[in-house]
Amino acid sequence: MADKRLQVFFTVAKLLSFTKAAETLHMTQPAVTFQVRQLEEYFNTRLFDRTHNKISLTEAGKRVYEFAGRIFEVYSEMDNAVREMTGEISGALTIGASTTIAEYMLPSLLGEFKQHYPDVNIHLKVSNTEGIVQMVENNIIDLGVVEAPVSNKNLVVDECRTDELVAIVPNDHVLSSLDSIKIDELIQHPFICREEGSGTRDVIVECLAQNGVDKKALKISMELGSPEAIKGAVEAGMGISIISSTTIDKEMRLKSLHPLHLEPPLTRPFSFVHQKQKFRQRVMEELLAFAKSYCHSRQ
């Protein structure tokens, strides 16, 4: 309902990138450029300065950006007020999730949500925890779901559930006869780790510090970007790892991996992260409430 040109301009101004705006809006970059130029023609002035492959807002652009933010806030308030009167739950949301959550938790959650609210369209972006938090901070996504503590006090963090991390080894490994293991014993073996910025990696490093172990003591043999890649490498005998217990159901049924509980236990929160906004879309409120109930019922 809001002016498409203004929406596109606002996204470009927020990200200071035509490329990132195109990705966020699910548009081509030429289409984004066209919409911005149309708005510039409407105001008969440039809204962006373009120099050395960088863009910045002109003074006119800053004024338009300021007013656009206020327009969209009022629009959101109006939209919520009318939908509360009619009881309609519809619209679009962009959710971001860290890899473990996107692959193992969200599919069933969002599937059930869509059964209840078929008129809601959800777009999903996948990154590591650091990337998801940045997207929430920059307002690229409406809601993030992450697997590590979030320190940014400008964001609202709602814990969904607690996740246990376990060590995994191949079934023929020397440790496969054990049910549990201490961190100082674990680090004696080649270790397969997630990439920098991963919530899982951050939690492991913090665990090492709490147990008085220098992270440099980890014998990192590989760094991989997803739980599936890590499980495959462990199965192939390339090292051992620490991973969410929610990701190994299939491997336990097939008996291709053996889990070891850590001593002391290592847990972390799965949390929803979003901006502190006075007005939010009704559909986002419904999704948050549904997701909290879903997680609570499965703990």
C-alpha atoms as a PDB file:
ATOM      1  CA  MET A   1       0.000   0.000   0.000  1.00  0.00           C
ATOM      2  CA  ALA A   2       2.862   2.400   0.781  1.00  0.00           C
ATOM      3  CA  ASP A   3       4.614   4.026  -2.204  1.00  0.00           C
ATOM      4  CA  LYS A   4       6.904   1.391  -3.739  1.00  0.00           C
ATOM      5  CA  ARG A   5       9.486   4.037  -4.685  1.00  0.00           C
ATOM      6  CA  LEU A   6       9.675   5.218  -1.095  1.00  0.00           C
ATOM      7  CA  GLN A   7      10.012   1.680   0.243  1.00  0.00           C
ATOM      8  CA  VAL A   8      12.875   0.936  -2.134  1.00  0.00           C
ATOM      9  CA  PHE A   9      14.607   4.244  -1.375  1.00  0.00           C
ATOM     10  CA  PHE A  10      14.255   3.644   2.377  1.00  0.00           C
ATOM     11  CA  THR A  11      15.873   0.210   2.110  1.00  0.00           C
ATOM     12  CA  VAL A  12      18.771   1.503   0.003  1.00  0.00           C
ATOM     13  CA  ALA A  13      19.301   4.412   2.410  1.00  0.00           C
ATOM     14  CA  LYS A  14      19.233   2.096   5.407  1.00  0.00           C
ATOM     15  CA  LEU A  15      21.800  -0.306   3.927  1.00  0.00           C
ATOM     16  CA  LEU A  16      23.721   2.262   1.825  1.00  0.00           C
ATOM     17  CA  SER A  17      23.925  -0.375  -0.877  1.00  0.00           C
ATOM     18  CA  PHE A  18      21.856  -0.969  -3.998  1.00  0.00           C
ATOM     19  CA  THR A  19      23.074  -4.568  -4.123  1.00  0.00           C
ATOM     20  CA  LYS A  20      22.083  -5.397  -0.542  1.00  0.00           C
ATOM     21  CA  ALA A  21      18.772  -3.592  -0.983  1.00  0.00           C
ATOM     22  CA  ALA A  22      18.001  -5.666  -4.082  1.00  0.00           C
ATOM     23  CA  GLU A  23      18.726  -8.854  -2.168  1.00  0.00           C
ATOM     24  CA  THR A  24      16.603  -7.772   0.798  1.00  0.00           C
ATOM     25  CA  LEU A  25      13.667  -6.727  -1.398  1.00  0.00           C
ATOM     26  CA  HIS A  26      13.938  -9.777  -3.683  1.00  0.00           C
ATOM     27  CA  MET A  27      14.366  -7.470  -6.687  1.00  0.00           C
ATOM     28  CA  THR A  28      16.998  -7.089  -9.381  1.00  0.00           C
ATOM     29  CA  GLN A  29      19.526  -4.292  -8.909  1.00  0.00           C
ATOM     30  CA  PRO A  30      18.387  -2.465 -12.098  1.00  0.00           C
ATOM     31  CA  ALA A  31      14.809  -2.495 -10.755  1.00  0.00           C
ATOM     32  CA  VAL A  32      15.976  -0.972  -7.472  1.00  0.00           C
ATOM     33  CA  THR A  33      17.953   1.706  -9.323  1.00  0.00           C
ATOM     34  CA  PHE A  34      14.919   2.488 -11.499  1.00  0.00           C
ATOM     35  CA  GLN A  35      12.650   3.000  -8.469  1.00  0.00           C
ATOM     36  CA  VAL A  36      15.161   5.331  -6.786  1.00  0.00           C
ATOM     37  CA  ARG A  37      15.609   7.357  -9.978  1.00  0.00           C
ATOM     38  CA  GLN A  38      11.853   7.730 -10.278  1.00  0.00           C
ATOM     39  CA  LEU A  39      11.714   9.151  -6.759  1.00  0.00           C
ATOM     40  CA  GLU A  40      14.587  11.506  -7.551  1.00  0.00           C
ATOM     41  CA  GLU A  41      12.717  12.665 -10.636  1.00  0.00           C
ATOM     42  CA  TYR A  42       9.600  13.219  -8.532  1.00  0.00           C
ATOM     43  CA  PHE A  43      11.523  15.463  -6.116  1.00  0.00           C
ATOM     44  CA  ASN A  44      13.677  16.879  -8.930  1.00  0.00           C
ATOM     45  CA  THR A  45      16.848  16.393  -6.898  1.00  0.00           C
ATOM     46  CA  ARG A  46      19.489  13.775  -6.187  1.00  0.00           C
ATOM     47  CA  LEU A  47      18.905  11.707  -3.050  1.00  0.00           C
ATOM     48  CA  PHE A  48      22.243   9.856  -3.153  1.00  0.00           C
ATOM     49  CA  ASP A  49      25.817  10.862  -3.873  1.00  0.00           C
ATOM     50  CA  ARG A  50      27.606   8.101  -5.790  1.00  0.00           C
ATOM     51  CA  THR A  51      31.421   8.214  -5.606  1.00  0.00           C
ATOM     52  CA  HIS A  52      34.145   5.532  -5.711  1.00  0.00           C
ATOM     53  CA  ASN A  53      31.655   2.647  -5.633  1.00  0.00           C
ATOM     54  CA  LYS A  54      30.110   4.028  -2.446  1.00  0.00           C
ATOM     55  CA  ILE A  55      26.868   5.871  -1.879  1.00  0.00           C
ATOM     56  CA  SER A  56      25.821   8.389   0.743  1.00  0.00           C
ATOM     57  CA  LEU A  57      22.682  10.402   1.342  1.00  0.00           C
ATOM     58  CA  THR A  58      22.500  13.985   0.132  1.00  0.00           C
ATOM     59  CA  GLU A  59      20.902  16.554   2.430  1.00  0.00           C
ATOM     60  CA  ALA A  60      17.631  16.059   0.558  1.00  0.00           C
ATOM     61  CA  GLY A  61      18.055  12.307   0.876  1.00  0.00           C
ATOM     62  CA  LYS A  62      18.488  12.611   4.644  1.00  0.00           C
ATOM     63  CA  ARG A  63      15.230  14.540   4.908  1.00  0.00           C
ATOM     64  CA  VAL A  64      13.346  12.019   2.775  1.00  0.00           C
ATOM     65  CA  TYR A  65      14.810   9.152   4.830  1.00  0.00           C
ATOM     66  CA  GLU A  66      13.715  10.814   8.073  1.00  0.00           C
ATOM     67  CA  PHE A  67      10.157  11.375   6.852  1.00  0.00           C
ATOM     68  CA  ALA A  68       9.979   7.914   5.294  1.00  0.00           C
ATOM     69  CA  GLY A  69      10.758   6.312   8.649  1.00  0.00           C
ATOM     70  CA  ARG A  70       7.955   8.251  10.291  1.00  0.00           C
ATOM     71  CA  ILE A  71       5.563   7.408   7.438  1.00  0.00           C
ATOM     72  CA  PHE A  72       6.252   3.678   7.729  1.00  0.00           C
ATOM     73  CA  GLU A  73       5.859   3.763  11.511  1.00  0.00           C
ATOM     74  CA  VAL A  74       2.442   5.420  11.218  1.00  0.00           C
ATOM     75  CA  TYR A  75       1.521   3.012   8.426  1.00  0.00           C
ATOM     76  CA  SER A  76       2.457   0.066  10.659  1.00  0.00           C
ATOM     77  CA  GLU A  77       0.358   1.497  13.496  1.00  0.00           C
ATOM     78  CA  MET A  78      -2.629   1.899  11.151  1.00  0.00           C
ATOM     79  CA  ASP A  79      -2.191  -1.598   9.746  1.00  0.00           C
ATOM     80  CA  ASN A  80      -2.075  -3.133  13.227  1.00  0.00           C
ATOM     81  CA  ALA A  81      -5.123  -1.185  14.396  1.00  0.00           C
ATOM     82  CA  VAL A  82      -7.283  -2.291  11.458  1.00  0.00           C
ATOM     83  CA  ARG A  83      -6.153  -5.923  11.627  1.00  0.00           C
ATOM     84  CA  GLU A  84      -6.929  -6.029  15.352  1.00  0.00           C
ATOM     85  CA  MET A  85     -10.461  -4.909  14.534  1.00  0.00           C
ATOM     86  CA  THR A  86     -10.959  -7.426  11.726  1.00  0.00           C
ATOM     87  CA  GLY A  87      -9.003 -10.280  13.295  1.00  0.00           C
ATOM     88  CA  GLU A  88      -7.126 -10.828  10.022  1.00  0.00           C
ATOM     89  CA  ILE A  89      -3.643 -12.290  10.202  1.00  0.00           C
ATOM     90  CA  SER A  90      -1.828 -11.846   6.898  1.00  0.00           C
ATOM     91  CA  GLY A  91       1.200 -10.155   5.395  1.00  0.00           C
ATOM     92  CA  ALA A  92       4.865 -10.955   4.859  1.00  0.00           C
ATOM     93  CA  LEU A  93       7.764 -11.465   7.245  1.00  0.00           C
ATOM     94  CA  THR A  94      11.468 -11.927   6.662  1.00  0.00           C
ATOM     95  CA  ILE A  95      13.090 -14.209   9.218  1.00  0.00           C
ATOM     96  CA  GLY A  96      16.770 -14.903   9.641  1.00  0.00           C
ATOM     97  CA  ALA A  97      18.102 -18.000  11.358  1.00  0.00           C
ATOM     98  CA  SER A  98      21.494 -19.417  12.169  1.00  0.00           C
ATOM     99  CA  THR A  99      22.343 -22.600  10.325  1.00  0.00           C
ATOM    100  CA  THR A 100      21.495 -25.187  12.989  1.00  0.00           C
ATOM    101  CA  ILE A 101      18.104 -23.640  13.709  1.00  0.00           C
ATOM    102  CA  ALA A 102      17.241 -23.121  10.033  1.00  0.00           C
ATOM    103  CA  GLU A 103      18.008 -26.741   9.172  1.00  0.00           C
ATOM    104  CA  TYR A 104      16.624 -28.574  12.195  1.00  0.00           C
ATOM    105  CA  MET A 105      14.070 -26.473  14.081  1.00  0.00           C
ATOM    106  CA  LEU A 106      12.365 -23.967  11.797  1.00  0.00           C
ATOM    107  CA  PRO A 107      10.986 -26.243   9.059  1.00  0.00           C
ATOM    108  CA  SER A 108       8.478 -27.958  11.363  1.00  0.00           C
ATOM    109  CA  LEU A 109       7.732 -24.762  13.329  1.00  0.00           C
ATOM    110  CA  LEU A 110       7.023 -22.692  10.225  1.00  0.00           C
ATOM    111  CA  GLY A 111       5.113 -25.564   8.655  1.00  0.00           C
ATOM    112  CA  GLU A 112       2.700 -25.659  11.583  1.00  0.00           C
ATOM    113  CA  PHE A 113       2.461 -21.857  11.608  1.00  0.00           C
ATOM    114  CA  LYS A 114       1.488 -21.838   7.915  1.00  0.00           C
ATOM    115  CA  GLN A 115      -1.254 -24.384   8.619  1.00  0.00           C
ATOM    116  CA  HIS A 116      -2.760 -21.960  11.132  1.00  0.00           C
ATOM    117  CA  TYR A 117      -2.099 -18.808   9.086  1.00  0.00           C
ATOM    118  CA  PRO A 118      -2.065 -19.700   5.362  1.00  0.00           C
ATOM    119  CA  ASP A 119      -2.197 -16.035   4.274  1.00  0.00           C
ATOM    120  CA  VAL A 120       1.189 -15.228   5.845  1.00  0.00           C
ATOM    121  CA  ASN A 121       4.208 -15.284   3.513  1.00  0.00           C
ATOM    122  CA  ILE A 122       7.548 -15.943   5.183  1.00  0.00           C
ATOM    123  CA  HIS A 123      10.984 -15.377   3.629  1.00  0.00           C
ATOM    124  CA  LEU A 124      13.927 -17.096   5.323  1.00  0.00           C
ATOM    125  CA  LYS A 125      17.567 -15.967   5.287  1.00  0.00           C
ATOM    126  CA  VAL A 126      20.273 -18.267   6.656  1.00  0.00           C
ATOM    127  CA  SER A 127      23.581 -17.116   8.142  1.00  0.00           C
ATOM    128  CA  ASN A 128      25.644 -17.694  11.253  1.00  0.00           C
ATOM    129  CA  THR A 129      24.647 -16.045  14.534  1.00  0.00           C
ATOM    130  CA  GLU A 130      26.843 -12.982  13.996  1.00  0.00           C
ATOM    131  CA  GLY A 131      25.355 -12.412  10.549  1.00  0.00           C
ATOM    132  CA  ILE A 132      21.771 -12.780  11.794  1.00  0.00           C
ATOM    133  CA  VAL A 133      22.289 -10.285  14.621  1.00  0.00           C
ATOM    134  CA  GLN A 134      23.753  -7.785  12.134  1.00  0.00           C
ATOM    135  CA  MET A 135      20.730  -8.211   9.866  1.00  0.00           C
ATOM    136  CA  VAL A 136      18.392  -7.518  12.788  1.00  0.00           C
ATOM    137  CA  GLU A 137      20.449  -4.463  13.778  1.00  0.00           C
ATOM    138  CA  ASN A 138      20.283  -3.128  10.209  1.00  0.00           C
ATOM    139  CA  ASN A 139      16.555  -3.883   9.942  1.00  0.00           C
ATOM    140  CA  ILE A 140      17.147  -6.213   6.995  1.00  0.00           C
ATOM    141  CA  ILE A 141      15.057  -8.920   8.657  1.00  0.00           C
ATOM    142  CA  ASP A 142      12.034  -8.636  10.955  1.00  0.00           C
ATOM    143  CA  LEU A 143      13.022 -11.432  13.318  1.00  0.00           C
ATOM    144  CA  GLY A 144      16.176 -13.431  13.979  1.00  0.00           C
ATOM    145  CA  VAL A 145      16.497 -16.845  15.622  1.00  0.00           C
ATOM    146  CA  VAL A 146      19.990 -17.519  16.955  1.00  0.00           C
ATOM    147  CA  GLU A 147      21.888 -20.153  18.884  1.00  0.00           C
ATOM    148  CA  ALA A 148      24.155 -18.073  21.121  1.00  0.00           C
ATOM    149  CA  PRO A 149      23.746 -15.289  23.705  1.00  0.00           C
ATOM    150  CA  VAL A 150      23.224 -11.802  22.219  1.00  0.00           C
ATOM    151  CA  SER A 151      24.972  -8.909  23.952  1.00  0.00           C
ATOM    152  CA  ASN A 152      23.392  -5.986  22.058  1.00  0.00           C
ATOM    153  CA  LYS A 153      21.172  -4.231  24.608  1.00  0.00           C
ATOM    154  CA  ASN A 154      19.358  -2.321  21.866  1.00  0.00           C
ATOM    155  CA  LEU A 155      17.700  -5.552  20.725  1.00  0.00           C
ATOM    156  CA  VAL A 156      14.932  -7.556  22.373  1.00  0.00           C
ATOM    157  CA  VAL A 157      16.032 -11.138  23.084  1.00  0.00           C
ATOM    158  CA  ASP A 158      13.400 -13.755  23.968  1.00  0.00           C
ATOM    159  CA  GLU A 159      14.765 -17.164  24.893  1.00  0.00           C
ATOM    160  CA  CYS A 160      12.863 -19.955  23.151  1.00  0.00           C
ATOM    161  CA  ARG A 161      14.391 -23.158  24.471  1.00  0.00           C
ATOM    162  CA  THR A 162      17.597 -24.647  25.828  1.00  0.00           C
ATOM    163  CA  ASP A 163      19.797 -26.711  23.544  1.00  0.00           C
ATOM    164  CA  GLU A 164      22.367 -29.239  24.711  1.00  0.00           C
ATOM    165  CA  LEU A 165      25.659 -29.558  22.878  1.00  0.00           C
ATOM    166  CA  VAL A 166      27.309 -32.980  22.738  1.00  0.00           C
ATOM    167  CA  ALA A 167      30.583 -34.341  21.452  1.00  0.00           C
ATOM    168  CA  ILE A 168      30.340 -36.684  18.465  1.00  0.00           C
ATOM    169  CA  VAL A 169      32.755 -39.412  17.394  1.00  0.00           C
ATOM    170  CA  PRO A 170      32.596 -42.211  14.800  1.00  0.00           C
ATOM    171  CA  ASN A 171      31.253 -45.514  16.123  1.00  0.00           C
ATOM    172  CA  ASP A 172      34.679 -47.147  15.755  1.00  0.00           C
ATOM    173  CA  HIS A 173      36.513 -44.335  17.581  1.00  0.00           C
ATOM    174  CA  VAL A 174      38.565 -45.036  20.715  1.00  0.00           C
ATOM    175  CA  LEU A 175      36.105 -42.848  22.682  1.00  0.00           C
ATOM    176  CA  SER A 176      32.964 -44.573  21.394  1.00  0.00           C
ATOM    177  CA  SER A 177      32.741 -46.847  24.424  1.00  0.00           C
ATOM    178  CA  LEU A 178      32.165 -43.830  26.689  1.00  0.00           C
ATOM    179  CA  ASP A 179      28.886 -42.093  27.547  1.00  0.00           C
ATOM    180  CA  SER A 180      30.458 -38.805  28.622  1.00  0.00           C
ATOM    181  CA  ILE A 181      33.727 -36.911  28.437  1.00  0.00           C
ATOM    182  CA  LYS A 182      35.444 -33.956  30.056  1.00  0.00           C
ATOM    183  CA  ILE A 183      36.637 -31.000  28.030  1.00  0.00           C
ATOM    184  CA  ASP A 184      40.298 -31.501  28.940  1.00  0.00           C
ATOM    185  CA  GLU A 185      40.084 -35.083  27.598  1.00  0.00           C
ATOM    186  CA  LEU A 186      38.282 -33.975  24.437  1.00  0.00           C
ATOM    187  CA  ILE A 187      40.963 -31.525  23.368  1.00  0.00           C
ATOM    188  CA  GLN A 188      43.533 -34.308  23.084  1.00  0.00           C
ATOM    189  CA  HIS A 189      41.973 -35.350  19.758  1.00  0.00           C
ATOM    190  CA  PRO A 190      41.836 -33.644  16.315  1.00  0.00           C
ATOM    191  CA  PHE A 191      38.862 -31.291  16.385  1.00  0.00           C
ATOM    192  CA  ILE A 192      36.495 -30.181  13.600  1.00  0.00           C
ATOM    193  CA  CYS A 193      35.161 -26.696  14.292  1.00  0.00           C
ATOM    194  CA  ARG A 194      32.535 -24.321  12.932  1.00  0.00           C
ATOM    195  CA  GLU A 195      33.621 -21.088  11.238  1.00  0.00           C
ATOM    196  CA  GLU A 196      34.310 -17.758  12.994  1.00  0.00           C
ATOM    197  CA  GLY A 197      31.031 -15.994  13.820  1.00  0.00           C
ATOM    198  CA  SER A 198      29.164 -19.255  14.441  1.00  0.00           C
ATOM    199  CA  GLY A 199      27.115 -19.409  17.630  1.00  0.00           C
ATOM    200  CA  THR A 200      28.261 -22.980  18.221  1.00  0.00           C
ATOM    201  CA  ARG A 201      31.907 -21.970  17.999  1.00  0.00           C
ATOM    202  CA  ASP A 202      31.394 -19.019  20.368  1.00  0.00           C
ATOM    203  CA  VAL A 203      29.758 -21.278  22.957  1.00  0.00           C
ATOM    204  CA  ILE A 204      32.591 -23.833  22.713  1.00  0.00           C
ATOM    205  CA  VAL A 205      35.268 -21.150  23.149  1.00  0.00           C
ATOM    206  CA  GLU A 206      33.412 -19.763  26.167  1.00  0.00           C
ATOM    207  CA  CYS A 207      33.158 -23.273  27.622  1.00  0.00           C
ATOM    208  CA  LEU A 208      36.910 -23.764  27.244  1.00  0.00           C
ATOM    209  CA  ALA A 209      37.571 -20.486  29.072  1.00  0.00           C
ATOM    210  CA  GLN A 210      35.208 -21.429  31.913  1.00  0.00           C
ATOM    211  CA  ASN A 211      37.082 -24.693  32.325  1.00  0.00           C
ATOM    212  CA  GLY A 212      40.464 -22.966  32.349  1.00  0.00           C
ATOM    213  CA  VAL A 213      41.460 -24.259  28.900  1.00  0.00           C
ATOM    214  CA  ASP A 214      43.152 -21.977  26.365  1.00  0.00           C
ATOM    215  CA  LYS A 215      41.280 -22.080  23.038  1.00  0.00           C
ATOM    216  CA  LYS A 216      44.654 -22.506  21.338  1.00  0.00           C
ATOM    217  CA  ALA A 217      44.808 -25.951  22.926  1.00  0.00           C
ATOM    218  CA  LEU A 218      42.130 -27.136  20.485  1.00  0.00           C
ATOM    219  CA  LYS A 219      43.749 -29.268  17.793  1.00  0.00           C
ATOM    220  CA  ILE A 220      41.609 -27.828  14.985  1.00  0.00           C
ATOM    221  CA  SER A 221      41.944 -30.022  11.928  1.00  0.00           C
ATOM    222  CA  MET A 222      39.150 -28.412   9.878  1.00  0.00           C
ATOM    223  CA  GLU A 223      36.751 -25.464   9.943  1.00  0.00           C
ATOM    224  CA  LEU A 224      33.397 -26.120   8.269  1.00  0.00           C
ATOM    225  CA  GLY A 225      30.301 -23.998   7.717  1.00  0.00           C
ATOM    226  CA  SER A 226      27.393 -26.295   8.542  1.00  0.00           C
ATOM    227  CA  PRO A 227      26.368 -29.123  10.908  1.00  0.00           C
ATOM    228  CA  GLU A 228      25.892 -31.495   7.951  1.00  0.00           C
ATOM    229  CA  ALA A 229      29.454 -30.904   6.755  1.00  0.00           C
ATOM    230  CA  ILE A 230      30.812 -31.434  10.264  1.00  0.00           C
ATOM    231  CA  LYS A 231      28.888 -34.692  10.738  1.00  0.00           C
ATOM    232  CA  GLY A 232      30.143 -35.985   7.400  1.00  0.00           C
ATOM    233  CA  ALA A 233      33.748 -35.173   8.299  1.00  0.00           C
ATOM    234  CA  VAL A 234      33.425 -36.866  11.708  1.00  0.00           C
ATOM    235  CA  GLU A 235      31.885 -39.961  10.092  1.00  0.00           C
ATOM    236  CA  ALA A 236      34.843 -40.033   7.705  1.00  0.00           C
ATOM    237  CA  GLY A 237      37.235 -40.172  10.667  1.00  0.00           C
ATOM    238  CA  MET A 238      38.750 -36.730  10.111  1.00  0.00           C
ATOM    239  CA  GLY A 239      38.308 -35.647  13.724  1.00  0.00           C
ATOM    240  CA  ILE A 240      35.726 -35.243  16.460  1.00  0.00           C
ATOM    241  CA  SER A 241      33.457 -32.294  17.132  1.00  0.00           C
ATOM    242  CA  ILE A 242      30.857 -30.679  19.385  1.00  0.00           C
ATOM    243  CA  ILE A 243      27.410 -30.175  17.901  1.00  0.00           C
ATOM    244  CA  SER A 244      23.775 -29.596  18.867  1.00  0.00           C
ATOM    245  CA  SER A 245      22.017 -32.740  20.089  1.00  0.00           C
ATOM    246  CA  THR A 246      19.047 -31.739  17.914  1.00  0.00           C
ATOM    247  CA  THR A 247      21.064 -32.373  14.744  1.00  0.00           C
ATOM    248  CA  ILE A 248      22.039 -36.027  15.197  1.00  0.00           C
ATOM    249  CA  ASP A 249      18.740 -37.952  15.385  1.00  0.00           C
ATOM    250  CA  LYS A 250      19.274 -39.566  11.972  1.00  0.00           C
ATOM    251  CA  GLU A 251      22.889 -40.511  12.690  1.00  0.00           C
ATOM    252  CA  MET A 252      21.929 -42.099  16.008  1.00  0.00           C
ATOM    253  CA  ARG A 253      19.234 -44.197  14.302  1.00  0.00           C
ATOM    254  CA  LEU A 254      21.756 -45.289  11.665  1.00  0.00           C
ATOM    255  CA  LYS A 255      24.446 -45.740  14.345  1.00  0.00           C
ATOM    256  CA  SER A 256      26.944 -43.817  12.236  1.00  0.00           C
ATOM    257  CA  LEU A 257      27.903 -41.439  15.058  1.00  0.00           C
ATOM    258  CA  HIS A 258      28.238 -41.840  18.808  1.00  0.00           C
ATOM    259  CA  PRO A 259      27.293 -38.917  21.098  1.00  0.00           C
ATOM    260  CA  LEU A 260      29.184 -38.117  24.286  1.00  0.00           C
ATOM    261  CA  HIS A 261      27.631 -35.902  26.950  1.00  0.00           C
ATOM    262  CA  LEU A 262      30.029 -33.254  28.159  1.00  0.00           C
ATOM    263  CA  GLU A 263      31.120 -32.928  31.788  1.00  0.00           C
ATOM    264  CA  PRO A 264      29.961 -30.486  32.972  1.00  0.00           C
ATOM    265  CA  PRO A 265      26.969 -30.302  30.576  1.00  0.00           C
ATOM    266  CA  LEU A 266      27.187 -27.635  27.874  1.00  0.00           C
ATOM    267  CA  THR A 267      23.943 -25.845  27.021  1.00  0.00           C
ATOM    268  CA  ARG A 268      22.979 -22.683  25.188  1.00  0.00           C
ATOM    269  CA  PRO A 269      19.767 -20.776  24.460  1.00  0.00           C
ATOM    270  CA  PHE A 270      17.892 -20.702  21.187  1.00  0.00           C
ATOM    271  CA  SER A 271      16.545 -17.138  21.140  1.00  0.00           C
ATOM    272  CA  PHE A 272      14.344 -14.811  19.106  1.00  0.00           C
ATOM    273  CA  VAL A 273      15.933 -11.428  18.420  1.00  0.00           C
ATOM    274  CA  HIS A 274      14.155  -8.336  17.122  1.00  0.00           C
ATOM    275  CA  GLN A 275      14.258  -4.561  17.184  1.00  0.00           C
ATOM    276  CA  LYS A 276      12.790  -2.532  20.028  1.00  0.00           C
ATOM    277  CA  GLN A 277       9.952  -1.003  18.050  1.00  0.00           C
ATOM    278  CA  LYS A 278       6.876   0.671  19.439  1.00  0.00           C
ATOM    279  CA  PHE A 279       4.716  -0.766  16.679  1.00  0.00           C
ATOM    280  CA  ARG A 280       5.188  -4.142  15.046  1.00  0.00           C
ATOM    281  CA  GLN A 281       3.174  -5.964  12.464  1.00  0.00           C
ATOM    282  CA  ARG A 282       0.365  -8.022  13.942  1.00  0.00           C
ATOM    283  CA  VAL A 283       1.644 -11.033  12.009  1.00  0.00           C
ATOM    284  CA  MET A 284       5.015 -10.774  13.787  1.00  0.00           C
ATOM    285  CA  GLU A 285       3.310 -10.692  17.184  1.00  0.00           C
ATOM    286  CA  GLU A 286       1.376 -13.824  16.221  1.00  0.00           C
ATOM    287  CA  LEU A 287       4.508 -15.604  15.001  1.00  0.00           C
ATOM    288  CA  LEU A 288       6.399 -14.792  18.202  1.00  0.00           C
ATOM    289  CA  ALA A 289       3.553 -16.041  20.379  1.00  0.00           C
ATOM    290  CA  PHE A 290       3.153 -19.187  18.257  1.00  0.00           C
ATOM    291  CA  ALA A 291       6.909 -19.912  18.263  1.00  0.00           C
ATOM    292  CA  LYS A 292       7.203 -19.522  22.039  1.00  0.00           C
ATOM    293  CA  SER A 293       4.292 -21.905  22.558  1.00  0.00           C
ATOM    294  CA  TYR A 294       5.766 -24.353  20.031  1.00  0.00           C
ATOM    295  CA  CYS A 295       9.175 -24.393  21.726  1.00  0.00           C
ATOM    296  CA  HIS A 296       7.677 -24.693  25.212  1.00  0.00           C
ATOM    297  CA  SER A 297       5.571 -27.705  24.192  1.00  0.00           C
ATOM    298  CA  ARG A 298       8.638 -29.539  22.867  1.00  0.00           C
ATOM    299  CA  GLN A 299      11.061 -29.028  25.717  1.00  0.00           C
END
